[in-house]
Amino acid sequence: MRAQVPGLRTAVVALGSGGTMAGLVAALGSGAVLGVDVGALADPATAVREFAAPHTDGDVTADGLRVRRDQVGAGYATLTGPAAEALRLAARTEGIVLDPVYTGRALAGLVAAVRDGDVRPGERTVFVHTGGLPGLFGHAEAVAYAEAGAGSPPAGP
């Protein structure tokens, strides 16, 4: 990734089981990866540390990871307002389809990180789209939102 994006500051990824974030942390370092918790685990940072530890010099700590926990909302399988807005934003501006649980929350986390200054405009940032497209069509709340014309998103996180 660093070869493809010289000067990369942050890779943003959905944080579910911790495996994808751990691989990115092992390759890029703890400071370069922002994981957006989707609510799959009670302690996702510890899972990332445990997955990454065998592939690093042992300098990865749960406290040293960049993890946003503000996008979980009412729980793992619920559609949050910020995720619904992120789905719409990606579809309208980039033609990219996100799912409501993983990549939708990850993009909502990136938007929040820009708003609060953790990610600054102009910094080289990569959004890691991990898939999940079938999840969009299997998520009744997201389908109802889309069928309603994507008017008002569900309540906040």
C-alpha atoms as a PDB file:
ATOM      1  CA  MET A   1       0.000   0.000   0.000  1.00  0.00           C
ATOM      2  CA  ARG A   2       2.831   2.408   0.807  1.00  0.00           C
ATOM      3  CA  ALA A   3       4.345   1.733  -2.614  1.00  0.00           C
ATOM      4  CA  GLN A   4       1.049   2.599  -4.287  1.00  0.00           C
ATOM      5  CA  VAL A   5       0.313   5.597  -2.053  1.00  0.00           C
ATOM      6  CA  PRO A   6       3.559   7.391  -1.155  1.00  0.00           C
ATOM      7  CA  GLY A   7       3.112   9.583   1.898  1.00  0.00           C
ATOM      8  CA  LEU A   8       0.163   7.556   3.182  1.00  0.00           C
ATOM      9  CA  ARG A   9      -0.868   8.796   6.607  1.00  0.00           C
ATOM     10  CA  THR A  10      -4.011   6.782   7.336  1.00  0.00           C
ATOM     11  CA  ALA A  11      -5.711   3.636   6.081  1.00  0.00           C
ATOM     12  CA  VAL A  12      -9.318   3.473   7.297  1.00  0.00           C
ATOM     13  CA  VAL A  13     -10.958   0.067   7.671  1.00  0.00           C
ATOM     14  CA  ALA A  14     -14.017  -1.514   9.267  1.00  0.00           C
ATOM     15  CA  LEU A  15     -13.098  -3.324  12.484  1.00  0.00           C
ATOM     16  CA  GLY A  16     -15.121  -6.500  12.932  1.00  0.00           C
ATOM     17  CA  SER A  17     -13.180  -9.594  13.984  1.00  0.00           C
ATOM     18  CA  GLY A  18      -9.897  -7.662  13.924  1.00  0.00           C
ATOM     19  CA  GLY A  19      -8.096  -9.685  11.258  1.00  0.00           C
ATOM     20  CA  THR A  20      -8.043  -7.111   8.465  1.00  0.00           C
ATOM     21  CA  MET A  21      -6.984  -4.288  10.745  1.00  0.00           C
ATOM     22  CA  ALA A  22      -4.295  -6.495  12.295  1.00  0.00           C
ATOM     23  CA  GLY A  23      -2.803  -7.218   8.878  1.00  0.00           C
ATOM     24  CA  LEU A  24      -2.765  -3.524   8.049  1.00  0.00           C
ATOM     25  CA  VAL A  25      -1.199  -2.693  11.432  1.00  0.00           C
ATOM     26  CA  ALA A  26       1.494  -5.344  10.883  1.00  0.00           C
ATOM     27  CA  ALA A  27       2.311  -3.866   7.469  1.00  0.00           C
ATOM     28  CA  LEU A  28       1.823  -0.133   8.069  1.00  0.00           C
ATOM     29  CA  GLY A  29       2.217   0.356  11.827  1.00  0.00           C
ATOM     30  CA  SER A  30      -0.318   1.181  14.521  1.00  0.00           C
ATOM     31  CA  GLY A  31      -0.362   4.901  13.866  1.00  0.00           C
ATOM     32  CA  ALA A  32      -1.223   4.563  10.188  1.00  0.00           C
ATOM     33  CA  VAL A  33      -4.409   2.504  10.590  1.00  0.00           C
ATOM     34  CA  LEU A  34      -7.769   3.764  11.796  1.00  0.00           C
ATOM     35  CA  GLY A  35     -10.200   0.969  12.610  1.00  0.00           C
ATOM     36  CA  VAL A  36     -13.888   1.789  12.868  1.00  0.00           C
ATOM     37  CA  ASP A  37     -15.578  -0.588  15.314  1.00  0.00           C
ATOM     38  CA  VAL A  38     -18.743  -2.166  13.890  1.00  0.00           C
ATOM     39  CA  GLY A  39     -19.836  -3.742  17.175  1.00  0.00           C
ATOM     40  CA  ALA A  40     -18.943  -7.362  16.424  1.00  0.00           C
ATOM     41  CA  LEU A  41     -16.706  -7.775  19.496  1.00  0.00           C
ATOM     42  CA  ALA A  42     -16.787  -6.408  23.031  1.00  0.00           C
ATOM     43  CA  ASP A  43     -13.051  -5.595  22.911  1.00  0.00           C
ATOM     44  CA  PRO A  44     -11.944  -5.250  19.275  1.00  0.00           C
ATOM     45  CA  ALA A  45      -8.608  -3.567  20.083  1.00  0.00           C
ATOM     46  CA  THR A  46      -7.429  -6.598  22.062  1.00  0.00           C
ATOM     47  CA  ALA A  47      -8.358  -8.877  19.158  1.00  0.00           C
ATOM     48  CA  VAL A  48      -6.333  -6.707  16.751  1.00  0.00           C
ATOM     49  CA  ARG A  49      -3.334  -6.771  19.094  1.00  0.00           C
ATOM     50  CA  GLU A  50      -3.496 -10.556  19.441  1.00  0.00           C
ATOM     51  CA  PHE A  51      -3.748 -11.079  15.669  1.00  0.00           C
ATOM     52  CA  ALA A  52      -0.984  -8.563  14.887  1.00  0.00           C
ATOM     53  CA  ALA A  53       1.510  -9.539  17.623  1.00  0.00           C
ATOM     54  CA  PRO A  54       3.037 -12.570  15.842  1.00  0.00           C
ATOM     55  CA  HIS A  55       3.696 -10.400  12.776  1.00  0.00           C
ATOM     56  CA  THR A  56       5.294  -7.416  14.501  1.00  0.00           C
ATOM     57  CA  ASP A  57       8.137  -6.734  16.903  1.00  0.00           C
ATOM     58  CA  GLY A  58       5.659  -7.028  19.767  1.00  0.00           C
ATOM     59  CA  ASP A  59       5.249  -3.268  19.986  1.00  0.00           C
ATOM     60  CA  VAL A  60       1.513  -3.326  19.241  1.00  0.00           C
ATOM     61  CA  THR A  61      -0.649  -2.551  22.264  1.00  0.00           C
ATOM     62  CA  ALA A  62      -4.414  -2.309  22.438  1.00  0.00           C
ATOM     63  CA  ASP A  63      -4.100   1.234  23.839  1.00  0.00           C
ATOM     64  CA  GLY A  64      -1.749   2.238  21.007  1.00  0.00           C
ATOM     65  CA  LEU A  65      -4.258   1.400  18.266  1.00  0.00           C
ATOM     66  CA  ARG A  66      -6.410   4.000  16.547  1.00  0.00           C
ATOM     67  CA  VAL A  67      -9.927   2.649  17.070  1.00  0.00           C
ATOM     68  CA  ARG A  68     -13.153   4.629  16.730  1.00  0.00           C
ATOM     69  CA  ARG A  69     -15.994   3.191  18.773  1.00  0.00           C
ATOM     70  CA  ASP A  70     -18.524   5.927  18.021  1.00  0.00           C
ATOM     71  CA  GLN A  71     -20.223   4.282  15.015  1.00  0.00           C
ATOM     72  CA  VAL A  72     -21.702   1.158  16.655  1.00  0.00           C
ATOM     73  CA  GLY A  73     -25.060   2.774  17.407  1.00  0.00           C
ATOM     74  CA  ALA A  74     -27.685   0.429  18.843  1.00  0.00           C
ATOM     75  CA  GLY A  75     -25.623  -2.628  17.954  1.00  0.00           C
ATOM     76  CA  TYR A  76     -23.931  -4.740  15.331  1.00  0.00           C
ATOM     77  CA  ALA A  77     -26.792  -5.416  12.931  1.00  0.00           C
ATOM     78  CA  THR A  78     -28.561  -2.056  13.145  1.00  0.00           C
ATOM     79  CA  LEU A  79     -28.461   0.697  10.550  1.00  0.00           C
ATOM     80  CA  THR A  80     -27.241   3.957  12.067  1.00  0.00           C
ATOM     81  CA  GLY A  81     -27.966   7.423  10.751  1.00  0.00           C
ATOM     82  CA  PRO A  82     -24.309   8.180   9.982  1.00  0.00           C
ATOM     83  CA  ALA A  83     -23.900   4.830   8.159  1.00  0.00           C
ATOM     84  CA  ALA A  84     -27.034   5.504   6.090  1.00  0.00           C
ATOM     85  CA  GLU A  85     -25.658   8.930   5.169  1.00  0.00           C
ATOM     86  CA  ALA A  86     -22.301   7.353   4.274  1.00  0.00           C
ATOM     87  CA  LEU A  87     -24.014   4.779   2.010  1.00  0.00           C
ATOM     88  CA  ARG A  88     -25.794   7.571   0.200  1.00  0.00           C
ATOM     89  CA  LEU A  89     -22.655   9.752  -0.029  1.00  0.00           C
ATOM     90  CA  ALA A  90     -20.530   6.964  -1.539  1.00  0.00           C
ATOM     91  CA  ALA A  91     -23.238   5.945  -4.004  1.00  0.00           C
ATOM     92  CA  ARG A  92     -24.012   9.481  -5.187  1.00  0.00           C
ATOM     93  CA  THR A  93     -20.501  10.898  -5.372  1.00  0.00           C
ATOM     94  CA  GLU A  94     -18.390   7.873  -6.309  1.00  0.00           C
ATOM     95  CA  GLY A  95     -20.784   5.192  -7.561  1.00  0.00           C
ATOM     96  CA  ILE A  96     -19.529   2.861  -4.833  1.00  0.00           C
ATOM     97  CA  VAL A  97     -21.931   0.562  -2.975  1.00  0.00           C
ATOM     98  CA  LEU A  98     -21.271   0.023   0.720  1.00  0.00           C
ATOM     99  CA  ASP A  99     -22.956  -2.337   3.141  1.00  0.00           C
ATOM    100  CA  PRO A 100     -24.752  -0.993   6.243  1.00  0.00           C
ATOM    101  CA  VAL A 101     -22.777  -2.893   8.875  1.00  0.00           C
ATOM    102  CA  TYR A 102     -19.104  -2.811   7.832  1.00  0.00           C
ATOM    103  CA  THR A 103     -18.098  -0.408   5.069  1.00  0.00           C
ATOM    104  CA  GLY A 104     -20.986   1.979   5.742  1.00  0.00           C
ATOM    105  CA  ARG A 105     -19.856   2.384   9.324  1.00  0.00           C
ATOM    106  CA  ALA A 106     -16.219   2.615   8.250  1.00  0.00           C
ATOM    107  CA  LEU A 107     -16.978   5.516   5.910  1.00  0.00           C
ATOM    108  CA  ALA A 108     -19.129   7.147   8.605  1.00  0.00           C
ATOM    109  CA  GLY A 109     -16.109   6.815  10.899  1.00  0.00           C
ATOM    110  CA  LEU A 110     -13.875   8.443   8.290  1.00  0.00           C
ATOM    111  CA  VAL A 111     -16.313  11.339   7.944  1.00  0.00           C
ATOM    112  CA  ALA A 112     -16.360  11.721  11.752  1.00  0.00           C
ATOM    113  CA  ALA A 113     -12.547  11.538  11.873  1.00  0.00           C
ATOM    114  CA  VAL A 114     -12.320  14.394   9.367  1.00  0.00           C
ATOM    115  CA  ARG A 115     -14.848  16.420  11.343  1.00  0.00           C
ATOM    116  CA  ASP A 116     -12.948  16.017  14.615  1.00  0.00           C
ATOM    117  CA  GLY A 117      -9.484  16.505  13.075  1.00  0.00           C
ATOM    118  CA  ASP A 118      -8.091  12.972  13.440  1.00  0.00           C
ATOM    119  CA  VAL A 119      -7.857  12.854   9.639  1.00  0.00           C
ATOM    120  CA  ARG A 120      -7.107  16.195   8.000  1.00  0.00           C
ATOM    121  CA  PRO A 121      -8.012  17.332   4.490  1.00  0.00           C
ATOM    122  CA  GLY A 122      -5.055  16.973   2.160  1.00  0.00           C
ATOM    123  CA  GLU A 123      -3.459  14.089   4.062  1.00  0.00           C
ATOM    124  CA  ARG A 124      -3.038  10.932   2.030  1.00  0.00           C
ATOM    125  CA  THR A 125      -5.806   8.635   3.257  1.00  0.00           C
ATOM    126  CA  VAL A 126      -6.976   5.292   1.902  1.00  0.00           C
ATOM    127  CA  PHE A 127     -10.458   3.933   2.565  1.00  0.00           C
ATOM    128  CA  VAL A 128     -10.238   0.132   2.534  1.00  0.00           C
ATOM    129  CA  HIS A 129     -13.444  -1.286   1.040  1.00  0.00           C
ATOM    130  CA  THR A 130     -13.624  -4.834   2.389  1.00  0.00           C
ATOM    131  CA  GLY A 131     -16.683  -5.944   0.452  1.00  0.00           C
ATOM    132  CA  GLY A 132     -20.010  -6.684   2.041  1.00  0.00           C
ATOM    133  CA  LEU A 133     -22.214  -5.922  -0.958  1.00  0.00           C
ATOM    134  CA  PRO A 134     -24.479  -8.966  -0.334  1.00  0.00           C
ATOM    135  CA  GLY A 135     -25.020  -7.593   3.168  1.00  0.00           C
ATOM    136  CA  LEU A 136     -26.776  -4.561   1.727  1.00  0.00           C
ATOM    137  CA  PHE A 137     -29.519  -6.639   0.145  1.00  0.00           C
ATOM    138  CA  GLY A 138     -29.927  -8.910   3.167  1.00  0.00           C
ATOM    139  CA  HIS A 139     -30.377  -6.012   5.573  1.00  0.00           C
ATOM    140  CA  ALA A 140     -34.118  -5.288   5.823  1.00  0.00           C
ATOM    141  CA  GLU A 141     -33.657  -1.888   7.475  1.00  0.00           C
ATOM    142  CA  ALA A 142     -31.293  -0.710   4.720  1.00  0.00           C
ATOM    143  CA  VAL A 143     -33.617  -1.985   1.985  1.00  0.00           C
ATOM    144  CA  ALA A 144     -36.582  -0.172   3.574  1.00  0.00           C
ATOM    145  CA  TYR A 145     -34.489   3.000   3.777  1.00  0.00           C
ATOM    146  CA  ALA A 146     -33.557   2.720   0.084  1.00  0.00           C
ATOM    147  CA  GLU A 147     -37.134   1.932  -0.984  1.00  0.00           C
ATOM    148  CA  ALA A 148     -38.386   4.975   0.902  1.00  0.00           C
ATOM    149  CA  GLY A 149     -36.275   7.109  -1.390  1.00  0.00           C
ATOM    150  CA  ALA A 150     -33.483   7.487   1.114  1.00  0.00           C
ATOM    151  CA  GLY A 151     -35.300  10.383   2.736  1.00  0.00           C
ATOM    152  CA  SER A 152     -34.493  10.596   6.420  1.00  0.00           C
ATOM    153  CA  PRO A 153     -31.780   8.310   7.734  1.00  0.00           C
ATOM    154  CA  PRO A 154     -32.287   6.406  10.983  1.00  0.00           C
ATOM    155  CA  ALA A 155     -31.387   8.184  14.221  1.00  0.00           C
ATOM    156  CA  GLY A 156     -27.698   8.877  15.008  1.00  0.00           C
ATOM    157  CA  PRO A 157     -24.999   6.467  16.119  1.00  0.00           C
END
